Protein backbone atom coordinates (compact mmCIF):
# COMPACT_ATOMS: atom_id res chain seq x y z
CA MET A 1 27.30 0.73 77.73
CA ARG A 2 25.25 -0.03 74.60
CA THR A 3 24.33 3.62 74.28
CA LEU A 4 27.95 4.74 74.35
CA PHE A 5 28.85 2.11 71.74
CA SER A 6 26.09 3.24 69.38
CA VAL A 7 26.99 6.87 69.89
CA GLY A 8 30.64 5.97 69.25
CA ALA A 9 29.69 4.01 66.11
CA ALA A 10 27.60 6.81 64.90
CA PHE A 11 30.37 9.33 65.55
CA LYS A 12 32.83 7.06 63.58
CA ALA A 13 30.39 6.78 60.69
CA ALA A 14 29.88 10.50 60.68
CA ILE A 15 33.68 11.03 60.58
CA ARG A 16 33.95 8.54 57.60
CA PHE A 17 31.11 10.41 55.85
CA ILE A 18 32.61 13.86 56.47
CA SER A 19 36.12 12.63 55.37
CA GLY A 20 34.62 11.22 52.16
CA SER A 21 32.74 14.49 51.54
CA VAL A 22 35.95 16.43 52.14
CA PHE A 23 37.80 14.05 49.78
CA VAL A 24 35.15 14.40 47.00
CA ALA A 25 35.12 18.23 47.48
CA ALA A 26 38.91 18.21 47.21
CA ILE A 27 38.83 16.15 44.03
CA GLY A 28 36.22 18.60 42.63
CA LEU A 29 38.48 21.57 43.48
CA SER A 30 41.52 20.02 41.97
CA THR A 31 39.59 19.26 38.78
CA MET A 32 38.25 22.85 38.65
CA HIS A 33 41.70 24.31 39.19
CA ALA A 34 43.21 21.98 36.56
CA ASN A 35 40.86 23.42 33.99
CA ALA A 36 41.29 27.11 35.07
CA GLN A 37 44.02 29.08 33.34
CA TRP A 38 45.73 32.12 34.84
CA GLN A 39 45.50 35.24 32.73
CA ASP A 40 48.10 38.07 32.97
CA PRO A 41 46.22 41.27 33.78
CA LEU A 42 48.58 43.04 31.41
CA ASP A 43 47.56 40.80 28.51
CA THR A 44 43.84 40.84 29.37
CA PRO A 45 41.73 43.72 28.02
CA ALA A 46 39.31 45.52 30.43
CA MET A 47 35.79 44.10 29.94
CA PRO A 48 33.10 46.36 28.53
CA THR A 49 30.27 47.09 31.03
CA LEU A 50 27.42 49.53 31.33
CA ILE A 51 28.33 50.29 34.93
CA ALA A 52 32.00 51.22 34.64
CA HIS A 53 31.06 54.62 36.03
CA LYS A 54 29.88 52.98 39.24
CA SER A 55 33.02 50.94 39.75
CA LEU A 56 35.85 52.02 42.01
CA LEU A 57 37.53 55.04 40.44
CA LEU A 58 40.82 56.28 41.80
CA ASP A 59 41.84 59.42 39.80
CA ILE A 60 40.21 61.89 37.51
CA THR A 61 41.57 64.77 35.40
CA LEU A 62 40.29 67.41 33.04
CA THR A 63 41.75 67.64 29.63
CA GLY A 64 40.22 70.44 27.52
CA SER A 65 36.53 69.96 28.24
CA ARG A 66 36.73 66.20 28.82
CA TYR A 67 36.90 64.52 32.16
CA VAL A 68 38.83 61.27 32.19
CA ALA A 69 38.71 58.90 35.19
CA VAL A 70 40.62 55.64 35.89
CA GLY A 71 40.02 52.80 38.39
CA ALA A 72 39.58 49.20 39.11
CA ARG A 73 39.49 46.40 36.54
CA GLY A 74 41.28 48.64 33.95
CA HIS A 75 38.23 50.92 33.69
CA ILE A 76 38.86 54.24 32.07
CA ILE A 77 35.78 56.36 31.48
CA PHE A 78 35.39 59.83 29.90
CA SER A 79 32.68 62.46 29.83
CA ASP A 80 32.24 65.39 27.46
CA ASP A 81 29.16 66.77 29.29
CA GLU A 82 30.65 67.71 32.78
CA GLY A 83 30.03 64.27 34.07
CA ARG A 84 26.34 63.78 33.27
CA THR A 85 27.12 60.80 31.06
CA TRP A 86 30.19 58.61 30.85
CA ILE A 87 31.61 56.45 28.11
CA GLN A 88 33.96 53.54 28.72
CA ALA A 89 37.27 53.71 26.80
CA LYS A 90 38.93 50.77 25.13
CA VAL A 91 41.74 49.69 27.45
CA PRO A 92 44.16 46.75 26.74
CA VAL A 93 44.67 45.84 30.43
CA ILE A 94 42.42 44.61 33.33
CA THR A 95 44.67 45.65 36.15
CA THR A 96 43.71 48.48 38.55
CA LEU A 97 44.71 51.88 37.24
CA THR A 98 45.60 54.42 39.87
CA ALA A 99 46.50 57.71 38.18
CA VAL A 100 45.89 59.63 35.02
CA TYR A 101 47.77 62.63 33.56
CA PHE A 102 47.37 64.59 30.26
CA PRO A 103 50.27 66.92 29.33
CA SER A 104 48.17 68.06 26.35
CA GLU A 105 44.51 67.87 25.37
CA LYS A 106 44.91 64.77 23.23
CA VAL A 107 48.00 63.00 24.67
CA GLY A 108 47.61 61.29 28.06
CA TYR A 109 49.10 58.62 30.34
CA ALA A 110 47.52 56.27 32.88
CA VAL A 111 49.41 54.13 35.32
CA GLY A 112 48.50 51.39 37.69
CA HIS A 113 49.22 48.08 39.34
CA ASP A 114 51.58 45.49 37.83
CA ALA A 115 53.70 48.42 36.48
CA ALA A 116 51.00 49.21 33.91
CA VAL A 117 51.69 52.30 31.74
CA LEU A 118 49.13 53.28 29.13
CA LYS A 119 49.09 56.10 26.56
CA THR A 120 46.41 57.77 24.62
CA VAL A 121 46.75 60.11 21.60
CA ASP A 122 42.99 60.70 21.11
CA GLY A 123 42.00 62.39 24.34
CA GLY A 124 41.25 59.16 26.27
CA LYS A 125 38.97 57.19 23.89
CA THR A 126 41.52 54.49 23.15
CA TRP A 127 44.65 53.43 25.03
CA GLU A 128 47.76 51.37 24.23
CA LYS A 129 50.29 49.59 26.51
CA LYS A 130 53.64 51.21 27.05
CA THR A 131 54.72 48.63 29.70
CA ARG A 132 58.03 46.94 28.87
CA ARG A 133 58.50 43.45 30.14
CA PHE A 134 61.86 42.50 31.45
CA PRO A 135 63.22 38.93 31.22
CA SER A 136 62.90 37.00 34.46
């Protein structure tokens, strides 16, 4: 009987310890979430990186002699040497871009998640938002 009591006491102590740890972890998470701020992907520019060409790319097109590709995290990259080297474009959104189209050599459009619509007038080096926000 004594063995069962000490096992039961140890079990209760372990439950109290685990409950306290969970409570402390929950306090830590709530504090972390209180300090975090949500950023709208349509108001957050794509981050420059040296490995944008290795990220998920979802569409590519040829405009003149330039390849332009779009993909995850707002990455748009372009190549003027048939894909041997890639340069990351300046993009005003961080949302996933799913398609790119150029009706002329310099003017192009990219579209993606969150109703993102982007336009370039310099062959894909820089982009601007064309997304219109509607009142909620």
